[in-house]
């Protein structure tokens, strides 16, 4: 504790979580982060008055590549990190520092995966229910519409912000069948 501030996570070696608790913490953080990210991305980053000055820098890449994840305005960078931090802060002392580091690693890996421009079939994100994908996020960059969530498609589906994505790929599939 420094200057009255206490770090909200557990560092006790004897409190390192067992496999079940570790997995629950990570999965909770993934879904929680996705909800926070959806709203910051949709409302703050794609809001008309701020978009051209902040988030448009990141969208200058129409085809996604891994390094484009970090090509952002400084304010955008902070807004991207905030949902990750908030999802961990919700758990506070119920989250061990090893879980925090692991989740942060998984979040960065996911960001590079979904900005890779490739559908990596062995990606661990493909086994999660409602998981997003590189193709899903590529549409967001190439069309600059919808698909605002980070890891999953839940919030886009609930609020209908992925309808354009599904309509676009339905047309593509219809053309392939002709």
N, C-alpha and C. Protein backbone atom coordinates (compact mmCIF):
# COMPACT_ATOMS: atom_id res chain seq x y z
N UNK A 1 0.85 -1.18 0.00
CA UNK A 1 0.00 0.00 0.00
C UNK A 1 0.90 1.24 0.00
N UNK A 2 0.65 2.12 -0.96
CA UNK A 2 1.42 3.35 -1.06
C UNK A 2 0.47 4.54 -1.09
N UNK A 3 0.71 5.50 -0.24
CA UNK A 3 -0.12 6.70 -0.17
C UNK A 3 -1.61 6.39 0.01
N UNK A 4 -1.91 5.36 0.79
CA UNK A 4 -3.30 5.02 1.06
C UNK A 4 -3.98 4.21 -0.02
N UNK A 5 -3.30 3.89 -1.12
CA UNK A 5 -3.90 3.10 -2.19
C UNK A 5 -3.55 1.63 -2.01
N UNK A 6 -4.56 0.80 -2.04
CA UNK A 6 -4.32 -0.63 -1.91
C UNK A 6 -4.62 -1.30 -3.24
N UNK A 7 -3.68 -2.08 -3.74
CA UNK A 7 -3.88 -2.80 -4.99
C UNK A 7 -5.00 -3.81 -4.77
N UNK A 8 -6.00 -3.81 -5.67
CA UNK A 8 -7.21 -4.60 -5.40
C UNK A 8 -7.10 -6.10 -5.65
N UNK A 9 -5.95 -6.62 -6.05
CA UNK A 9 -5.83 -8.03 -6.37
C UNK A 9 -5.02 -8.76 -5.30
N UNK A 10 -5.26 -10.05 -5.19
CA UNK A 10 -4.55 -10.87 -4.23
C UNK A 10 -3.18 -11.26 -4.78
N UNK A 11 -2.16 -11.13 -3.95
CA UNK A 11 -0.80 -11.52 -4.32
C UNK A 11 -0.30 -12.68 -3.46
N UNK A 12 -1.11 -13.16 -2.54
CA UNK A 12 -0.68 -14.20 -1.60
C UNK A 12 -0.40 -15.50 -2.34
N UNK A 13 0.81 -16.03 -2.14
CA UNK A 13 1.20 -17.28 -2.80
C UNK A 13 0.30 -18.44 -2.38
N UNK A 14 -0.15 -18.43 -1.15
CA UNK A 14 -1.01 -19.53 -0.69
C UNK A 14 -2.45 -19.39 -1.19
N UNK A 15 -2.76 -18.30 -1.90
CA UNK A 15 -4.11 -18.11 -2.44
C UNK A 15 -4.16 -18.21 -3.96
N UNK A 16 -3.10 -18.77 -4.56
CA UNK A 16 -3.12 -18.99 -6.01
C UNK A 16 -4.31 -19.90 -6.30
N UNK A 17 -5.15 -19.52 -7.25
CA UNK A 17 -6.39 -20.27 -7.46
C UNK A 17 -6.18 -21.67 -8.03
N UNK A 18 -7.10 -22.58 -7.67
CA UNK A 18 -7.06 -23.90 -8.28
C UNK A 18 -7.55 -23.76 -9.73
N UNK A 19 -7.47 -24.82 -10.48
CA UNK A 19 -7.81 -24.77 -11.92
C UNK A 19 -9.23 -24.29 -12.17
N UNK A 20 -10.18 -24.75 -11.37
CA UNK A 20 -11.57 -24.36 -11.57
C UNK A 20 -11.76 -22.86 -11.34
N UNK A 21 -11.26 -22.36 -10.21
CA UNK A 21 -11.42 -20.93 -9.89
C UNK A 21 -10.68 -20.07 -10.91
N UNK A 22 -9.51 -20.52 -11.33
CA UNK A 22 -8.74 -19.81 -12.34
C UNK A 22 -9.57 -19.68 -13.63
N UNK A 23 -10.14 -20.80 -14.08
CA UNK A 23 -10.95 -20.80 -15.31
C UNK A 23 -12.17 -19.91 -15.16
N UNK A 24 -12.84 -19.97 -14.02
CA UNK A 24 -14.03 -19.14 -13.79
C UNK A 24 -13.65 -17.66 -13.83
N UNK A 25 -12.55 -17.30 -13.19
CA UNK A 25 -12.09 -15.90 -13.22
C UNK A 25 -11.83 -15.43 -14.64
N UNK A 26 -11.13 -16.25 -15.41
CA UNK A 26 -10.77 -15.86 -16.78
C UNK A 26 -12.03 -15.74 -17.64
N UNK A 27 -12.92 -16.72 -17.56
CA UNK A 27 -14.13 -16.68 -18.38
C UNK A 27 -15.02 -15.51 -17.97
N UNK A 28 -15.14 -15.26 -16.67
CA UNK A 28 -15.90 -14.10 -16.21
C UNK A 28 -15.32 -12.82 -16.80
N UNK A 29 -14.01 -12.67 -16.71
CA UNK A 29 -13.36 -11.47 -17.23
C UNK A 29 -13.55 -11.33 -18.74
N UNK A 30 -13.50 -12.45 -19.45
CA UNK A 30 -13.68 -12.39 -20.90
C UNK A 30 -15.06 -11.86 -21.27
N UNK A 31 -16.10 -12.39 -20.64
CA UNK A 31 -17.47 -11.95 -20.96
C UNK A 31 -17.74 -10.54 -20.44
N UNK A 32 -17.19 -10.21 -19.28
CA UNK A 32 -17.36 -8.88 -18.71
C UNK A 32 -16.64 -7.84 -19.58
N UNK A 33 -15.42 -8.13 -19.97
CA UNK A 33 -14.64 -7.23 -20.83
C UNK A 33 -15.37 -7.00 -22.14
N UNK A 34 -15.94 -8.06 -22.69
CA UNK A 34 -16.65 -7.97 -23.96
C UNK A 34 -17.82 -7.00 -23.86
N UNK A 35 -18.55 -7.05 -22.76
CA UNK A 35 -19.68 -6.13 -22.56
C UNK A 35 -19.18 -4.69 -22.45
N UNK A 36 -18.17 -4.47 -21.60
CA UNK A 36 -17.63 -3.11 -21.46
C UNK A 36 -17.06 -2.61 -22.79
N UNK A 37 -16.34 -3.47 -23.50
CA UNK A 37 -15.72 -3.06 -24.76
C UNK A 37 -16.79 -2.72 -25.80
N UNK A 38 -17.84 -3.52 -25.88
CA UNK A 38 -18.91 -3.26 -26.84
C UNK A 38 -19.40 -1.82 -26.70
N UNK A 39 -19.70 -1.42 -25.47
CA UNK A 39 -20.26 -0.08 -25.27
C UNK A 39 -19.25 1.02 -25.49
N UNK A 40 -18.01 0.86 -25.03
CA UNK A 40 -17.02 1.92 -25.28
C UNK A 40 -16.72 2.03 -26.77
N UNK A 41 -16.65 0.89 -27.44
CA UNK A 41 -16.34 0.89 -28.87
C UNK A 41 -17.50 1.48 -29.68
N UNK A 42 -18.70 1.04 -29.40
CA UNK A 42 -19.86 1.51 -30.16
C UNK A 42 -20.19 2.97 -29.88
N UNK A 43 -20.27 3.32 -28.60
CA UNK A 43 -20.73 4.66 -28.23
C UNK A 43 -19.63 5.71 -28.29
N UNK A 44 -18.48 5.42 -27.72
CA UNK A 44 -17.43 6.44 -27.66
C UNK A 44 -16.54 6.48 -28.90
N UNK A 45 -16.12 5.31 -29.37
CA UNK A 45 -15.16 5.30 -30.49
C UNK A 45 -15.80 5.54 -31.85
N UNK A 46 -17.05 5.10 -32.01
CA UNK A 46 -17.72 5.28 -33.30
C UNK A 46 -18.77 6.39 -33.27
N UNK A 47 -18.70 7.23 -32.29
CA UNK A 47 -19.60 8.38 -32.17
C UNK A 47 -19.16 9.43 -33.18
N UNK A 48 -20.09 9.94 -33.94
CA UNK A 48 -19.80 10.88 -35.02
C UNK A 48 -18.84 12.02 -34.69
N UNK A 49 -19.07 12.79 -33.62
CA UNK A 49 -18.18 13.92 -33.33
C UNK A 49 -16.75 13.54 -32.95
N UNK A 50 -16.54 12.36 -32.36
CA UNK A 50 -15.17 12.00 -31.95
C UNK A 50 -14.47 11.04 -32.90
N UNK A 51 -15.23 10.27 -33.66
CA UNK A 51 -14.63 9.24 -34.52
C UNK A 51 -13.50 9.77 -35.41
N UNK A 52 -13.71 10.86 -36.15
CA UNK A 52 -12.65 11.30 -37.06
C UNK A 52 -11.34 11.70 -36.38
N UNK A 53 -11.42 12.07 -35.12
CA UNK A 53 -10.24 12.55 -34.42
C UNK A 53 -9.54 11.48 -33.58
N UNK A 54 -10.25 10.42 -33.24
CA UNK A 54 -9.66 9.42 -32.34
C UNK A 54 -9.60 8.03 -32.96
N UNK A 55 -10.73 7.41 -33.21
CA UNK A 55 -10.75 6.01 -33.63
C UNK A 55 -10.45 5.80 -35.11
N UNK A 56 -10.60 6.84 -35.90
CA UNK A 56 -10.35 6.72 -37.35
C UNK A 56 -8.90 6.31 -37.63
N UNK A 57 -7.99 6.70 -36.76
CA UNK A 57 -6.59 6.30 -36.92
C UNK A 57 -6.48 4.78 -37.00
N UNK A 58 -7.14 4.09 -36.08
CA UNK A 58 -7.11 2.63 -36.07
C UNK A 58 -7.78 2.06 -37.32
N UNK A 59 -8.83 2.71 -37.80
CA UNK A 59 -9.56 2.22 -38.97
C UNK A 59 -8.90 2.60 -40.28
N UNK A 60 -7.75 3.21 -40.24
CA UNK A 60 -7.05 3.48 -41.50
C UNK A 60 -6.59 2.17 -42.14
N UNK A 61 -6.56 1.09 -41.35
CA UNK A 61 -6.28 -0.24 -41.88
C UNK A 61 -7.61 -0.89 -42.25
N UNK A 62 -7.88 -1.00 -43.54
CA UNK A 62 -9.12 -1.63 -44.00
C UNK A 62 -9.00 -3.15 -43.96
N UNK A 63 -7.80 -3.65 -44.23
CA UNK A 63 -7.52 -5.08 -44.07
C UNK A 63 -6.70 -5.18 -42.79
N UNK A 64 -7.11 -6.04 -41.91
CA UNK A 64 -6.47 -6.09 -40.60
C UNK A 64 -5.18 -6.89 -40.64
N UNK A 65 -4.22 -6.41 -39.88
CA UNK A 65 -2.96 -7.11 -39.62
C UNK A 65 -2.68 -6.98 -38.13
N UNK A 66 -1.94 -7.93 -37.59
CA UNK A 66 -1.71 -7.97 -36.15
C UNK A 66 -1.22 -6.66 -35.56
N UNK A 67 -0.25 -6.03 -36.19
CA UNK A 67 0.30 -4.81 -35.62
C UNK A 67 -0.66 -3.63 -35.66
N UNK A 68 -1.70 -3.73 -36.50
CA UNK A 68 -2.69 -2.66 -36.57
C UNK A 68 -3.47 -2.53 -35.27
N UNK A 69 -3.44 -3.57 -34.44
CA UNK A 69 -4.16 -3.48 -33.17
C UNK A 69 -3.65 -2.33 -32.32
N UNK A 70 -2.38 -2.07 -32.42
CA UNK A 70 -1.77 -1.02 -31.59
C UNK A 70 -1.65 0.31 -32.32
N UNK A 71 -2.07 0.37 -33.57
CA UNK A 71 -2.02 1.62 -34.31
C UNK A 71 -3.27 2.43 -33.96
N UNK A 72 -3.17 3.18 -32.87
CA UNK A 72 -4.32 3.92 -32.37
C UNK A 72 -3.89 5.29 -31.85
N UNK A 73 -4.86 6.14 -31.73
CA UNK A 73 -4.70 7.43 -31.06
C UNK A 73 -4.49 7.13 -29.57
N UNK A 74 -3.72 7.93 -28.84
CA UNK A 74 -3.51 7.66 -27.40
C UNK A 74 -4.81 7.53 -26.60
N UNK A 75 -5.81 8.34 -26.90
CA UNK A 75 -7.08 8.24 -26.18
C UNK A 75 -7.75 6.91 -26.51
N UNK A 76 -7.68 6.50 -27.75
CA UNK A 76 -8.23 5.21 -28.18
C UNK A 76 -7.53 4.07 -27.45
N UNK A 77 -6.23 4.19 -27.29
CA UNK A 77 -5.46 3.16 -26.59
C UNK A 77 -5.97 2.98 -25.15
N UNK A 78 -6.19 4.10 -24.48
CA UNK A 78 -6.69 4.04 -23.10
C UNK A 78 -8.10 3.46 -23.07
N UNK A 79 -8.95 3.89 -24.00
CA UNK A 79 -10.32 3.38 -24.04
C UNK A 79 -10.35 1.88 -24.36
N UNK A 80 -9.37 1.39 -25.11
CA UNK A 80 -9.26 -0.05 -25.39
C UNK A 80 -8.83 -0.82 -24.14
N UNK A 81 -7.95 -0.24 -23.35
CA UNK A 81 -7.43 -0.91 -22.16
C UNK A 81 -8.43 -0.87 -21.00
N UNK A 82 -9.27 0.13 -20.98
CA UNK A 82 -10.21 0.31 -19.87
C UNK A 82 -11.14 -0.88 -19.64
N UNK A 83 -11.78 -1.45 -20.66
CA UNK A 83 -12.66 -2.61 -20.40
C UNK A 83 -11.91 -3.81 -19.81
N UNK A 84 -10.68 -4.02 -20.22
CA UNK A 84 -9.88 -5.11 -19.66
C UNK A 84 -9.62 -4.86 -18.18
N UNK A 85 -9.22 -3.65 -17.85
CA UNK A 85 -8.95 -3.30 -16.46
C UNK A 85 -10.22 -3.36 -15.62
N UNK A 86 -11.32 -2.85 -16.15
CA UNK A 86 -12.58 -2.84 -15.40
C UNK A 86 -13.09 -4.26 -15.12
N UNK A 87 -12.94 -5.14 -16.10
CA UNK A 87 -13.43 -6.51 -15.90
C UNK A 87 -12.67 -7.21 -14.78
N UNK A 88 -11.38 -6.91 -14.65
CA UNK A 88 -10.59 -7.48 -13.55
C UNK A 88 -10.92 -6.78 -12.23
N UNK A 89 -11.12 -5.48 -12.28
CA UNK A 89 -11.41 -4.72 -11.06
C UNK A 89 -12.74 -5.15 -10.43
N UNK A 90 -13.68 -5.61 -11.25
CA UNK A 90 -14.96 -6.08 -10.71
C UNK A 90 -14.73 -7.22 -9.72
N UNK A 91 -13.77 -8.09 -10.03
CA UNK A 91 -13.48 -9.21 -9.14
C UNK A 91 -12.65 -8.80 -7.94
N UNK A 92 -11.82 -7.78 -8.08
CA UNK A 92 -11.01 -7.28 -6.97
C UNK A 92 -10.21 -8.36 -6.28
N UNK A 93 -10.36 -8.46 -4.95
CA UNK A 93 -9.60 -9.42 -4.16
C UNK A 93 -9.95 -10.88 -4.49
N UNK A 94 -11.07 -11.10 -5.18
CA UNK A 94 -11.42 -12.46 -5.58
C UNK A 94 -10.59 -12.94 -6.77
N UNK A 95 -9.78 -12.04 -7.31
CA UNK A 95 -8.93 -12.39 -8.43
C UNK A 95 -7.47 -12.32 -8.00
N UNK A 96 -6.76 -13.40 -8.23
CA UNK A 96 -5.34 -13.44 -7.91
C UNK A 96 -4.56 -12.79 -9.05
N UNK A 97 -3.40 -12.25 -8.70
CA UNK A 97 -2.57 -11.57 -9.69
C UNK A 97 -2.19 -12.49 -10.84
N UNK A 98 -2.02 -13.79 -10.59
CA UNK A 98 -1.70 -14.73 -11.68
C UNK A 98 -2.86 -14.81 -12.68
N UNK A 99 -4.07 -14.72 -12.19
CA UNK A 99 -5.24 -14.72 -13.09
C UNK A 99 -5.28 -13.43 -13.90
N UNK A 100 -4.97 -12.32 -13.25
CA UNK A 100 -4.93 -11.03 -13.93
C UNK A 100 -3.92 -11.06 -15.07
N UNK A 101 -2.72 -11.54 -14.80
CA UNK A 101 -1.68 -11.60 -15.84
C UNK A 101 -2.10 -12.54 -16.97
N UNK A 102 -2.69 -13.66 -16.61
CA UNK A 102 -3.12 -14.63 -17.63
C UNK A 102 -4.23 -14.05 -18.49
N UNK A 103 -5.20 -13.40 -17.87
CA UNK A 103 -6.28 -12.79 -18.65
C UNK A 103 -5.73 -11.70 -19.56
N UNK A 104 -4.84 -10.88 -19.07
CA UNK A 104 -4.26 -9.82 -19.89
C UNK A 104 -3.53 -10.42 -21.08
N UNK A 105 -2.78 -11.48 -20.86
CA UNK A 105 -2.09 -12.17 -21.95
C UNK A 105 -3.11 -12.69 -22.98
N UNK A 106 -4.18 -13.34 -22.50
CA UNK A 106 -5.20 -13.87 -23.41
C UNK A 106 -5.89 -12.76 -24.19
N UNK A 107 -6.10 -11.63 -23.55
CA UNK A 107 -6.76 -10.48 -24.22
C UNK A 107 -5.88 -9.94 -25.34
N UNK A 108 -4.58 -9.81 -25.08
CA UNK A 108 -3.66 -9.33 -26.11
C UNK A 108 -3.58 -10.34 -27.25
N UNK A 109 -3.50 -11.62 -26.91
CA UNK A 109 -3.46 -12.68 -27.92
C UNK A 109 -4.72 -12.64 -28.79
N UNK A 110 -5.87 -12.49 -28.14
CA UNK A 110 -7.14 -12.42 -28.86
C UNK A 110 -7.15 -11.23 -29.82
N UNK A 111 -6.65 -10.10 -29.37
CA UNK A 111 -6.63 -8.91 -30.21
C UNK A 111 -5.78 -9.13 -31.46
N UNK A 112 -4.62 -9.74 -31.29
CA UNK A 112 -3.78 -10.03 -32.45
C UNK A 112 -4.41 -11.10 -33.33
N UNK A 113 -5.04 -12.09 -32.73
CA UNK A 113 -5.72 -13.15 -33.49
C UNK A 113 -6.81 -12.54 -34.37
N UNK A 114 -7.66 -11.70 -33.79
CA UNK A 114 -8.79 -11.14 -34.53
C UNK A 114 -8.37 -10.04 -35.50
N UNK A 115 -7.16 -9.51 -35.36
CA UNK A 115 -6.63 -8.54 -36.32
C UNK A 115 -5.63 -9.19 -37.28
N UNK A 116 -5.51 -10.49 -37.24
CA UNK A 116 -4.50 -11.16 -38.07
C UNK A 116 -4.86 -11.21 -39.54
N UNK A 117 -6.15 -11.14 -39.84
CA UNK A 117 -6.57 -11.28 -41.22
C UNK A 117 -6.73 -12.74 -41.64
N UNK A 118 -6.51 -13.66 -40.71
CA UNK A 118 -6.61 -15.09 -40.99
C UNK A 118 -7.55 -15.75 -39.99
N UNK A 119 -8.31 -16.71 -40.47
CA UNK A 119 -9.10 -17.55 -39.59
C UNK A 119 -8.20 -18.69 -39.15
N UNK A 120 -7.68 -18.61 -37.95
CA UNK A 120 -6.77 -19.63 -37.45
C UNK A 120 -7.63 -20.74 -36.85
N UNK A 121 -7.69 -21.91 -37.50
CA UNK A 121 -8.62 -22.95 -37.05
C UNK A 121 -8.30 -23.53 -35.67
N UNK A 122 -7.05 -23.49 -35.26
CA UNK A 122 -6.67 -24.06 -33.97
C UNK A 122 -6.67 -23.02 -32.85
N UNK A 123 -7.18 -21.83 -33.14
CA UNK A 123 -7.24 -20.79 -32.11
C UNK A 123 -8.17 -21.25 -30.99
N UNK A 124 -7.75 -21.08 -29.74
CA UNK A 124 -8.62 -21.49 -28.62
C UNK A 124 -9.92 -20.71 -28.55
N UNK A 125 -9.98 -19.57 -29.20
CA UNK A 125 -11.21 -18.77 -29.17
C UNK A 125 -12.33 -19.40 -29.99
N UNK A 126 -11.99 -20.33 -30.89
CA UNK A 126 -13.01 -20.99 -31.72
C UNK A 126 -13.86 -21.98 -30.91
N UNK A 127 -13.39 -22.38 -29.74
CA UNK A 127 -14.16 -23.36 -28.96
C UNK A 127 -15.11 -22.70 -27.97
N UNK A 128 -15.01 -21.39 -27.79
CA UNK A 128 -15.86 -20.68 -26.84
C UNK A 128 -17.22 -20.36 -27.45
N UNK A 129 -18.29 -20.52 -26.70
CA UNK A 129 -19.61 -20.16 -27.21
C UNK A 129 -19.69 -18.68 -27.57
N UNK A 130 -20.27 -18.39 -28.71
CA UNK A 130 -20.48 -17.02 -29.21
C UNK A 130 -19.18 -16.29 -29.54
N UNK A 131 -18.08 -17.03 -29.72
CA UNK A 131 -16.80 -16.38 -30.01
C UNK A 131 -16.85 -15.66 -31.35
N UNK A 132 -16.18 -14.57 -31.40
CA UNK A 132 -16.03 -13.79 -32.62
C UNK A 132 -14.91 -14.44 -33.43
N UNK A 133 -14.43 -13.75 -34.45
CA UNK A 133 -13.35 -14.31 -35.27
C UNK A 133 -12.68 -13.20 -36.05
N UNK A 134 -11.61 -13.55 -36.73
CA UNK A 134 -10.91 -12.57 -37.57
C UNK A 134 -11.84 -12.10 -38.70
N UNK A 135 -12.57 -13.02 -39.30
CA UNK A 135 -13.50 -12.67 -40.37
C UNK A 135 -14.56 -11.68 -39.88
N UNK A 136 -15.05 -11.92 -38.69
CA UNK A 136 -16.06 -11.06 -38.08
C UNK A 136 -15.50 -9.65 -37.88
N UNK A 137 -14.28 -9.57 -37.36
CA UNK A 137 -13.68 -8.25 -37.12
C UNK A 137 -13.19 -7.60 -38.42
N UNK A 138 -12.78 -8.41 -39.38
CA UNK A 138 -12.38 -7.86 -40.69
C UNK A 138 -13.54 -7.08 -41.31
N UNK A 139 -14.75 -7.62 -41.18
CA UNK A 139 -15.92 -6.92 -41.72
C UNK A 139 -16.05 -5.55 -41.06
N UNK A 140 -15.83 -5.47 -39.77
CA UNK A 140 -15.91 -4.20 -39.05
C UNK A 140 -14.93 -3.19 -39.64
N UNK A 141 -13.72 -3.63 -39.96
CA UNK A 141 -12.72 -2.72 -40.53
C UNK A 141 -13.02 -2.38 -42.00
N UNK A 142 -13.40 -3.38 -42.77
CA UNK A 142 -13.60 -3.14 -44.20
C UNK A 142 -14.86 -2.33 -44.50
N UNK A 143 -15.89 -2.46 -43.66
CA UNK A 143 -17.15 -1.75 -43.89
C UNK A 143 -17.41 -0.64 -42.87
N UNK A 144 -16.62 -0.63 -41.81
CA UNK A 144 -16.72 0.39 -40.75
C UNK A 144 -18.14 0.49 -40.19
N UNK A 145 -18.72 -0.68 -39.96
CA UNK A 145 -20.07 -0.72 -39.41
C UNK A 145 -20.22 -2.00 -38.60
N UNK A 146 -20.96 -1.92 -37.50
CA UNK A 146 -21.30 -3.10 -36.70
C UNK A 146 -20.12 -3.86 -36.14
N UNK A 147 -20.44 -5.05 -35.57
CA UNK A 147 -19.43 -5.94 -35.00
C UNK A 147 -18.51 -5.20 -34.03
N UNK A 148 -19.09 -4.55 -33.05
CA UNK A 148 -18.34 -3.71 -32.12
C UNK A 148 -17.68 -4.45 -30.96
N UNK A 149 -18.18 -5.62 -30.61
CA UNK A 149 -17.64 -6.34 -29.46
C UNK A 149 -16.24 -6.85 -29.74
N UNK A 150 -15.55 -7.23 -28.69
CA UNK A 150 -14.16 -7.66 -28.87
C UNK A 150 -14.03 -9.16 -29.05
N UNK A 151 -14.50 -9.96 -28.11
CA UNK A 151 -14.26 -11.40 -28.14
C UNK A 151 -15.45 -12.22 -28.62
N UNK A 152 -16.64 -11.72 -28.41
CA UNK A 152 -17.83 -12.52 -28.67
C UNK A 152 -18.82 -11.73 -29.53
N UNK A 153 -19.83 -12.43 -30.01
CA UNK A 153 -20.85 -11.77 -30.84
C UNK A 153 -22.16 -11.55 -30.07
N UNK A 154 -22.15 -11.80 -28.78
CA UNK A 154 -23.38 -11.72 -27.98
C UNK A 154 -24.03 -10.34 -28.06
N UNK A 155 -23.28 -9.30 -27.73
CA UNK A 155 -23.87 -7.96 -27.65
C UNK A 155 -24.25 -7.44 -29.03
N UNK A 156 -23.46 -7.78 -30.05
CA UNK A 156 -23.81 -7.39 -31.42
C UNK A 156 -25.12 -8.05 -31.83
N UNK A 157 -25.32 -9.29 -31.42
CA UNK A 157 -26.55 -10.01 -31.75
C UNK A 157 -27.73 -9.44 -30.98
N UNK A 158 -27.55 -9.19 -29.69
CA UNK A 158 -28.63 -8.64 -28.86
C UNK A 158 -29.10 -7.29 -29.40
N UNK A 159 -28.17 -6.43 -29.80
CA UNK A 159 -28.53 -5.08 -30.25
C UNK A 159 -28.58 -4.95 -31.77
N UNK A 160 -28.42 -6.05 -32.49
CA UNK A 160 -28.59 -6.06 -33.94
C UNK A 160 -27.50 -5.34 -34.71
N UNK A 161 -26.34 -5.16 -34.10
CA UNK A 161 -25.28 -4.42 -34.80
C UNK A 161 -24.41 -5.33 -35.66
N UNK A 162 -24.81 -6.60 -35.82
CA UNK A 162 -24.08 -7.49 -36.73
C UNK A 162 -24.97 -7.95 -37.89
N UNK A 163 -26.13 -7.33 -38.06
CA UNK A 163 -27.03 -7.70 -39.15
C UNK A 163 -26.38 -7.48 -40.51
N UNK A 164 -25.66 -6.38 -40.67
CA UNK A 164 -25.00 -6.11 -41.96
C UNK A 164 -23.97 -7.18 -42.28
N UNK A 165 -23.26 -7.63 -41.26
CA UNK A 165 -22.26 -8.69 -41.44
C UNK A 165 -22.92 -9.96 -41.97
N UNK A 166 -24.00 -10.39 -41.32
CA UNK A 166 -24.66 -11.62 -41.75
C UNK A 166 -25.33 -11.48 -43.11
N UNK A 167 -25.87 -10.31 -43.41
CA UNK A 167 -26.47 -10.08 -44.73
C UNK A 167 -25.40 -10.11 -45.82
N UNK A 168 -24.26 -9.50 -45.54
CA UNK A 168 -23.16 -9.46 -46.50
C UNK A 168 -22.67 -10.88 -46.81
N UNK A 169 -22.47 -11.68 -45.80
CA UNK A 169 -21.97 -13.04 -46.04
C UNK A 169 -23.05 -13.96 -46.61
N UNK A 170 -24.32 -13.67 -46.38
CA UNK A 170 -25.39 -14.43 -47.03
C UNK A 170 -25.37 -14.16 -48.54
N UNK A 171 -25.15 -12.89 -48.92
CA UNK A 171 -25.03 -12.55 -50.34
C UNK A 171 -23.83 -13.23 -50.97
N UNK A 172 -22.71 -13.22 -50.27
CA UNK A 172 -21.52 -13.89 -50.79
C UNK A 172 -21.76 -15.38 -51.01
N UNK A 173 -22.43 -16.02 -50.06
CA UNK A 173 -22.73 -17.44 -50.20
C UNK A 173 -23.71 -17.71 -51.33
N UNK A 174 -24.67 -16.80 -51.53
CA UNK A 174 -25.61 -16.96 -52.64
C UNK A 174 -24.86 -16.88 -53.98
N UNK A 175 -23.90 -15.97 -54.09
CA UNK A 175 -23.11 -15.83 -55.32
C UNK A 175 -22.27 -17.07 -55.57
N UNK A 176 -21.73 -17.67 -54.51
CA UNK A 176 -20.92 -18.87 -54.65
C UNK A 176 -21.75 -20.05 -55.16
N UNK A 177 -23.03 -20.10 -54.76
CA UNK A 177 -23.90 -21.19 -55.16
C UNK A 177 -24.35 -21.07 -56.61
N UNK A 178 -24.32 -19.83 -57.16
CA UNK A 178 -24.75 -19.62 -58.56
C UNK A 178 -23.74 -20.10 -59.55
